[in-house]
Amino acid sequence: MASLYRGLLLLLMALLPSAHGATTARGKISAAFVFGDSIVDPGNNNDRLTEAKANFPPYGQDFPGGVATGRFSNGKVPGDMLAARLGIKELLPPYHGNDLPLSELLTGVVFASGGSGYDPLTSIPATATSSTGQLELFLEYKERLRTLVGEEEMTRVISEGIYFTVMGANDLANNYFAIPLRRHQYDLPSYVKFLVSSAVNFTMKLNDMGAKKIAFIGIPPIGCCPSQRELGSRECEPMRNQAANLFNSEIEKEIHRLDAEQNVQGSKFIYLDIYYNLLDLIQRPGFYDFKEVTEGCCGSTVLNAAIFIKNHPACPNAYDYIFWDSFHPTEKAYNIVVDKLFQQNMQYLM
C-alpha cells in the first residue's frame, strides 16, 4: 500500500510543473534551502518563546496582503528573492509552523531562526534555533521527504538543490560586543578565528549531509545598522565593521579552499559578498533613491526591532529608508543587494 501511495505521488509530481519548476530550462537546481538568522527567517520563530520574532505589525506592511508572516522587514526577505531569481518560487516558506504541501517541500524551505549564529552561545539569550539545531531540522526534513517520495527522489532533490547560509551578525552585534563572556575569553581577532572555524564546520557538515552547491553569504556592515551606530555623530561604528570585514576576508579564503578541494567530488562552494554591496547603498544613497541612511523606519535604538515594536507605527515612507527597523533592511534595500549578488555571481548560482 505504501509503495502504491508513493508511486501515485511520483506520478503527480511528474504532472505538476511546480514540483520540478526549477529543474527545466535553468539546468539542475531543484530547490533552495536557507540556513541563518533574522536576515532570512520567514517565520520559524513565530511559535517560539523568544523576543526575536516579527509576526505582528508593523512587520509585513508591504508583504503581499499586508501580512506579518514573521519576516523581519516590511516585505519579502532575501530567501524569497533568491528563490524567485532562480526561478524556483516566489516565496520560500519556513520549515516550522506550516502544514506544508508536498510541492513546497520539494522546492525548498528555510531553517533559519532569528537570533541564531555560528557561535553556540549566540542563540541562547534569544532562545533561537542554533546553527546545529538547524542542521538537525534539515535531517528531519530529509527523513520526512524520504517517507513521502522515496529514497531516490529525496536524494535527487537534496543533491540538485542550492543552499544558502546567512549568519554571523548576531555573533558580533548581540554576543561579542553586547555580552562580556566571549570578550573575557577572546580578543577580537581570536574570536573571529573561532567564528570562522565554526562556520567552516557548519558548511562541511551541510556538505556531508548531501548539499552539493552551497552559497555562503558573509556578514553585513553591522556597524552601520541604526542601533549599532555611534551615539551623537551617528557614524558607522568602526570596530563592528572591522570585525565583520575580518570575518568575511577569512571565510572567503576558506570557502575558496573548500571549493578547490571538493570540486573534484562534484560539490561547489560560493562566497557571496553582502558587506560591500550593502555598504554601497549606505555610502551612495541618492544613487539608489534612498533619503534616510542612519535611522530605521521603525526607530533606531536596540529596542526598535523585533517584539519591542509590536503594533508600533512605522514611518509613512519606507521606500526612502535603507533600514526598516534598527537592525534589518527594507525590502527595497534587500532587493537591490540581491540583484547585485546575482549580477556578480550569475555563472555560479545558475
Protein backbone atom coordinates (compact mmCIF):
# COMPACT_ATOMS: atom_id res chain seq x y z
CA MET A 1 0.00 0.00 0.00
CA ALA A 2 2.84 2.38 0.93
CA SER A 3 4.60 1.73 -2.39
CA LEU A 4 1.35 2.38 -4.29
CA TYR A 5 0.89 5.68 -2.44
CA ARG A 6 4.48 6.65 -3.23
CA GLY A 7 4.01 5.74 -6.88
CA LEU A 8 0.92 7.95 -7.10
CA LEU A 9 2.84 10.83 -5.52
CA LEU A 10 5.68 10.48 -8.02
CA LEU A 11 3.19 10.41 -10.90
CA LEU A 12 1.53 13.55 -9.56
CA MET A 13 4.91 15.26 -9.27
CA ALA A 14 5.69 14.44 -12.88
CA LEU A 15 2.42 16.03 -13.97
CA LEU A 16 2.76 19.18 -11.85
CA PRO A 17 5.36 21.66 -13.16
CA SER A 18 5.52 23.38 -9.78
CA ALA A 19 7.17 20.34 -8.26
CA HIS A 20 10.04 20.47 -10.73
CA GLY A 21 9.79 24.08 -11.87
CA ALA A 22 13.40 24.75 -11.01
CA THR A 23 14.92 21.90 -12.97
CA THR A 24 13.90 22.62 -16.54
CA ALA A 25 15.36 25.44 -18.64
CA ARG A 26 17.78 26.55 -15.98
CA GLY A 27 19.52 23.21 -15.54
CA LYS A 28 19.69 21.26 -12.32
CA ILE A 29 18.60 23.33 -9.36
CA SER A 30 15.64 21.52 -7.88
CA ALA A 31 15.13 23.55 -4.72
CA ALA A 32 16.50 26.31 -2.48
CA PHE A 33 17.29 25.83 1.21
CA VAL A 34 18.32 28.59 3.61
CA PHE A 35 20.03 28.46 7.00
CA GLY A 36 20.70 31.53 9.07
CA ASP A 37 19.35 34.30 11.28
CA SER A 38 16.70 37.03 11.11
CA ILE A 39 18.00 38.32 7.77
CA VAL A 40 16.37 35.28 6.18
CA ASP A 41 13.98 33.87 8.82
CA PRO A 42 10.49 33.90 7.21
CA GLY A 43 8.65 32.88 10.38
CA ASN A 44 10.38 29.93 12.04
CA ASN A 45 10.37 31.78 15.37
CA ASN A 46 6.64 32.53 15.33
CA ASP A 47 5.76 29.81 17.84
CA ARG A 48 8.92 30.06 19.92
CA LEU A 49 9.09 31.80 23.28
CA THR A 50 11.52 34.47 22.10
CA GLU A 51 11.79 38.21 21.66
CA ALA A 52 13.25 37.57 18.18
CA LYS A 53 10.01 37.36 16.25
CA ALA A 54 8.18 39.53 13.75
CA ASN A 55 4.71 38.04 13.18
CA PHE A 56 2.87 41.25 14.04
CA PRO A 57 2.54 44.78 12.63
CA PRO A 58 4.27 46.88 11.54
CA TYR A 59 6.29 43.98 10.04
CA GLY A 60 4.89 42.82 6.72
CA GLN A 61 3.02 46.01 5.86
CA ASP A 62 4.27 45.78 2.25
CA PHE A 63 4.21 41.98 2.03
CA PRO A 64 1.54 40.56 -0.33
CA GLY A 65 -1.75 41.02 1.51
CA GLY A 66 -0.07 43.16 4.17
CA VAL A 67 0.51 40.06 6.31
CA ALA A 68 3.07 39.92 9.12
CA THR A 69 4.44 36.43 8.42
CA GLY A 70 7.43 36.54 10.75
CA ARG A 71 9.78 38.09 8.22
CA PHE A 72 11.93 40.81 9.80
CA SER A 73 11.18 43.50 7.21
CA ASN A 74 8.33 45.45 5.68
CA GLY A 75 8.04 42.88 2.90
CA LYS A 76 9.97 40.00 1.40
CA VAL A 77 13.41 38.95 2.63
CA PRO A 78 16.49 37.65 0.76
CA GLY A 79 15.46 33.97 0.81
CA ASP A 80 12.31 34.82 -1.14
CA MET A 81 14.25 36.96 -3.59
CA LEU A 82 16.96 34.36 -4.17
CA ALA A 83 14.39 31.62 -4.84
CA ALA A 84 12.43 33.89 -7.19
CA ARG A 85 15.51 34.93 -9.18
CA LEU A 86 16.48 31.28 -9.53
CA GLY A 87 13.01 30.62 -10.98
CA ILE A 88 12.06 28.21 -8.19
CA LYS A 89 9.17 30.01 -6.49
CA GLU A 90 8.14 33.47 -5.31
CA LEU A 91 8.21 32.81 -1.56
CA LEU A 92 10.47 30.49 0.40
CA PRO A 93 8.46 29.22 3.39
CA PRO A 94 9.59 28.49 6.94
CA TYR A 95 10.05 24.83 7.76
CA HIS A 96 8.39 25.26 11.16
CA GLY A 97 4.77 26.02 11.88
CA ASN A 98 3.30 25.23 8.48
CA ASP A 99 1.46 22.21 7.19
CA LEU A 100 3.49 22.44 4.01
CA PRO A 101 2.18 20.70 0.87
CA LEU A 102 4.46 18.32 -0.98
CA SER A 103 5.13 20.84 -3.76
CA GLU A 104 6.60 23.24 -1.17
CA LEU A 105 8.73 20.58 0.48
CA LEU A 106 10.11 19.52 -2.91
CA THR A 107 11.17 23.04 -3.92
CA GLY A 108 12.81 24.19 -0.71
CA VAL A 109 12.27 25.61 2.75
CA VAL A 110 14.03 27.85 5.27
CA PHE A 111 15.50 26.59 8.54
CA ALA A 112 16.83 29.99 9.67
CA SER A 113 15.95 31.34 13.10
CA GLY A 114 16.13 34.97 14.18
CA GLY A 115 18.84 35.42 16.82
CA SER A 116 20.98 32.50 15.69
CA GLY A 117 24.70 32.41 14.89
CA TYR A 118 27.69 30.16 14.33
CA ASP A 119 28.74 30.51 17.98
CA PRO A 120 26.55 28.09 20.01
CA LEU A 121 26.25 30.70 22.80
CA THR A 122 24.69 33.28 20.48
CA SER A 123 21.31 31.56 20.16
CA ILE A 124 20.85 31.07 23.93
CA PRO A 125 19.77 34.61 25.01
CA ALA A 126 17.34 34.81 22.09
CA THR A 127 16.18 31.19 22.55
CA ALA A 128 16.71 30.81 18.82
CA THR A 129 17.35 27.58 16.93
CA SER A 130 21.13 27.27 16.88
CA SER A 131 23.11 26.52 13.74
CA THR A 132 23.47 22.92 14.96
CA GLY A 133 19.73 22.79 15.60
CA GLN A 134 19.08 23.96 12.04
CA LEU A 135 21.16 21.08 10.69
CA GLU A 136 19.12 18.71 12.85
CA LEU A 137 15.94 20.13 11.31
CA PHE A 138 17.45 19.53 7.88
CA LEU A 139 17.97 15.86 8.80
CA GLU A 140 14.35 15.71 9.95
CA TYR A 141 13.27 17.27 6.65
CA LYS A 142 15.23 14.65 4.69
CA GLU A 143 13.51 11.83 6.58
CA ARG A 144 10.13 13.44 6.02
CA LEU A 145 10.82 13.73 2.32
CA ARG A 146 12.09 10.14 2.14
CA THR A 147 8.84 8.92 3.68
CA LEU A 148 6.76 10.90 1.19
CA VAL A 149 8.58 10.27 -2.10
CA GLY A 150 11.15 7.54 -1.51
CA GLU A 151 14.93 7.42 -1.31
CA GLU A 152 15.71 8.10 -4.96
CA GLU A 153 13.56 11.22 -5.29
CA MET A 154 14.69 12.56 -1.91
CA THR A 155 18.33 12.14 -2.94
CA ARG A 156 17.68 13.97 -6.23
CA VAL A 157 16.04 16.94 -4.51
CA ILE A 158 18.84 17.22 -1.94
CA SER A 159 21.72 16.82 -4.39
CA GLU A 160 20.28 19.18 -7.02
CA GLY A 161 19.28 21.91 -4.55
CA ILE A 162 21.15 25.12 -3.77
CA TYR A 163 21.92 26.01 -0.17
CA PHE A 164 22.38 29.48 1.30
CA THR A 165 23.80 30.17 4.76
CA VAL A 166 23.46 33.65 6.29
CA MET A 167 24.78 34.01 9.84
CA GLY A 168 27.39 35.85 11.89
CA ALA A 169 25.84 39.27 12.50
CA ASN A 170 24.35 38.19 15.84
CA ASP A 171 27.63 36.58 16.89
CA LEU A 172 29.24 40.01 16.74
CA ALA A 173 26.49 42.55 17.50
CA ASN A 174 24.45 40.63 20.06
CA ASN A 175 27.10 38.38 21.55
CA TYR A 176 30.73 39.55 21.40
CA PHE A 177 30.04 43.30 21.60
CA ALA A 178 26.98 43.01 23.86
CA ILE A 179 27.77 40.25 26.41
CA PRO A 180 31.08 40.21 28.35
CA LEU A 181 31.70 36.43 28.40
CA ARG A 182 33.31 36.00 24.97
CA ARG A 183 35.32 39.21 25.37
CA HIS A 184 36.89 37.72 28.50
CA GLN A 185 37.76 34.54 26.58
CA TYR A 186 38.92 36.03 23.26
CA ASP A 187 40.36 39.21 21.87
CA LEU A 188 38.60 40.23 18.67
CA PRO A 189 40.93 38.54 16.12
CA SER A 190 40.80 35.30 18.15
CA TYR A 191 37.01 35.39 18.35
CA VAL A 192 36.75 35.95 14.61
CA LYS A 193 39.07 32.99 14.09
CA PHE A 194 36.77 30.91 16.31
CA LEU A 195 33.73 32.06 14.30
CA VAL A 196 35.41 31.21 11.00
CA SER A 197 36.26 27.73 12.27
CA SER A 198 32.67 27.24 13.45
CA ALA A 199 31.32 28.44 10.10
CA VAL A 200 33.60 26.08 8.17
CA ASN A 201 32.50 23.16 10.37
CA PHE A 202 28.86 24.07 9.74
CA THR A 203 29.45 24.23 5.98
CA MET A 204 31.27 20.89 5.90
CA LYS A 205 28.52 19.17 7.93
CA LEU A 206 25.95 20.52 5.50
CA ASN A 207 28.02 19.17 2.61
CA ASP A 208 28.32 15.78 4.34
CA MET A 209 24.52 15.71 4.66
CA GLY A 210 24.12 15.89 0.88
CA ALA A 211 24.30 19.58 -0.03
CA LYS A 212 26.36 19.90 -3.23
CA LYS A 213 26.04 23.61 -4.04
CA ILE A 214 26.50 25.89 -1.04
CA ALA A 215 26.46 29.68 -1.26
CA PHE A 216 27.99 31.29 1.81
CA ILE A 217 26.81 34.85 2.47
CA GLY A 218 29.12 36.95 4.64
CA ILE A 219 28.33 39.37 7.46
CA PRO A 220 26.89 42.80 6.52
CA PRO A 221 28.41 46.08 7.76
CA ILE A 222 26.70 45.77 11.14
CA GLY A 223 28.35 48.92 12.47
CA CYS A 224 26.13 50.87 10.06
CA CYS A 225 22.86 49.44 11.39
CA PRO A 226 20.91 52.21 13.14
CA SER A 227 21.14 50.51 16.56
CA GLN A 228 24.91 49.96 16.25
CA ARG A 229 25.96 53.41 15.04
CA GLU A 230 27.93 55.76 17.26
CA LEU A 231 25.80 57.94 19.51
CA GLY A 232 25.93 61.62 18.71
CA SER A 233 27.78 61.53 15.40
CA ARG A 234 25.59 58.67 14.01
CA GLU A 235 28.66 57.49 12.09
CA CYS A 236 29.09 53.76 11.41
CA GLU A 237 30.73 52.10 14.43
CA PRO A 238 34.21 51.11 13.14
CA MET A 239 35.03 48.15 15.42
CA ARG A 240 31.89 46.24 14.46
CA ASN A 241 32.55 46.85 10.78
CA GLN A 242 36.19 45.88 11.20
CA ALA A 243 35.13 42.61 12.84
CA ALA A 244 32.63 41.84 10.07
CA ASN A 245 35.20 42.65 7.41
CA LEU A 246 37.85 40.48 9.07
CA PHE A 247 35.44 37.54 9.29
CA ASN A 248 34.45 37.96 5.65
CA SER A 249 38.02 38.11 4.36
CA GLU A 250 38.98 34.98 6.29
CA ILE A 251 35.86 32.96 5.46
CA GLU A 252 36.16 33.89 1.78
CA LYS A 253 39.60 32.26 1.72
CA GLU A 254 38.19 29.17 3.42
CA ILE A 255 35.27 28.91 1.00
CA HIS A 256 37.66 29.13 -1.96
CA ARG A 257 39.84 26.44 -0.34
CA LEU A 258 36.84 24.15 0.21
CA ASP A 259 35.73 24.70 -3.38
CA ALA A 260 39.15 23.76 -4.73
CA GLU A 261 39.28 20.64 -2.56
CA GLN A 262 35.70 19.47 -3.09
CA ASN A 263 35.19 20.37 -6.73
CA VAL A 264 36.54 17.02 -7.85
CA GLN A 265 33.80 15.35 -5.79
CA GLY A 266 31.08 17.34 -7.52
CA SER A 267 30.49 19.98 -4.83
CA LYS A 268 30.52 23.74 -5.37
CA PHE A 269 31.18 26.35 -2.65
CA ILE A 270 30.50 30.02 -3.42
CA TYR A 271 31.20 33.14 -1.34
CA LEU A 272 28.68 35.99 -1.74
CA ASP A 273 29.67 39.47 -0.57
CA ILE A 274 26.83 41.20 1.25
CA TYR A 275 29.17 43.60 3.09
CA TYR A 276 30.28 45.88 0.27
CA ASN A 277 27.03 45.54 -1.66
CA LEU A 278 25.02 46.88 1.28
CA LEU A 279 27.73 49.41 2.17
CA ASP A 280 27.43 50.83 -1.35
CA LEU A 281 23.78 51.70 -0.64
CA ILE A 282 24.78 53.32 2.64
CA GLN A 283 27.60 55.37 1.07
CA ARG A 284 25.69 56.34 -2.11
CA PRO A 285 22.03 56.53 -1.02
CA GLY A 286 20.99 59.06 -3.65
CA PHE A 287 22.15 56.80 -6.46
CA TYR A 288 19.64 54.19 -5.29
CA ASP A 289 16.90 56.71 -4.48
CA PHE A 290 17.18 56.49 -0.69
CA LYS A 291 16.78 59.54 1.52
CA GLU A 292 17.43 58.14 5.01
CA VAL A 293 20.59 56.20 5.83
CA THR A 294 21.27 56.42 9.57
CA GLU A 295 17.78 55.88 11.02
CA GLY A 296 15.32 52.99 10.78
CA CYS A 297 11.77 53.45 9.55
CA CYS A 298 10.56 51.95 12.86
CA GLY A 299 13.22 53.57 15.05
CA SER A 300 16.94 53.38 15.68
CA THR A 301 17.70 52.04 19.19
CA VAL A 302 18.24 48.43 20.23
CA LEU A 303 14.61 48.48 21.39
CA ASN A 304 13.31 49.38 17.93
CA ALA A 305 13.30 45.85 16.50
CA ALA A 306 11.54 42.52 16.88
CA ILE A 307 8.97 42.15 19.66
CA PHE A 308 9.81 45.58 21.09
CA ILE A 309 8.00 47.32 18.23
CA LYS A 310 4.91 45.10 18.23
CA ASN A 311 1.99 47.13 16.85
CA HIS A 312 4.03 50.34 16.86
CA PRO A 313 3.52 52.73 13.94
CA ALA A 314 6.15 52.78 11.20
CA CYS A 315 7.23 55.77 9.16
CA PRO A 316 4.90 56.63 6.26
CA ASN A 317 7.60 56.41 3.58
CA ALA A 318 9.52 53.14 3.97
CA TYR A 319 10.65 53.40 0.34
CA ASP A 320 13.01 56.23 1.38
CA TYR A 321 14.75 54.14 4.05
CA ILE A 322 17.60 51.62 3.79
CA PHE A 323 16.67 50.17 7.20
CA TRP A 324 13.21 49.05 8.23
CA ASP A 325 13.87 48.67 11.95
CA SER A 326 17.04 49.33 13.92
CA PHE A 327 18.80 46.23 12.55
CA HIS A 328 17.13 44.93 9.37
CA PRO A 329 16.99 46.50 5.90
CA THR A 330 13.82 47.28 3.97
CA GLU A 331 12.51 45.11 1.17
CA LYS A 332 13.74 47.71 -1.33
CA ALA A 333 17.29 47.58 0.06
CA TYR A 334 17.29 43.78 0.14
CA ASN A 335 16.09 43.66 -3.47
CA ILE A 336 18.94 45.87 -4.65
CA VAL A 337 21.55 43.84 -2.75
CA VAL A 338 20.21 40.51 -4.05
CA ASP A 339 20.20 41.90 -7.60
CA LYS A 340 23.86 42.84 -7.14
CA LEU A 341 24.70 39.37 -5.81
CA PHE A 342 23.12 37.79 -8.87
CA GLN A 343 24.85 40.10 -11.32
CA GLN A 344 28.22 39.33 -9.73
CA ASN A 345 27.75 35.56 -9.31
CA MET A 346 25.31 34.52 -12.06
CA GLN A 347 27.63 31.89 -13.54
CA TYR A 348 27.98 30.14 -10.15
CA LEU A 349 24.37 30.39 -8.98
CA MET A 350 22.54 29.20 -12.07
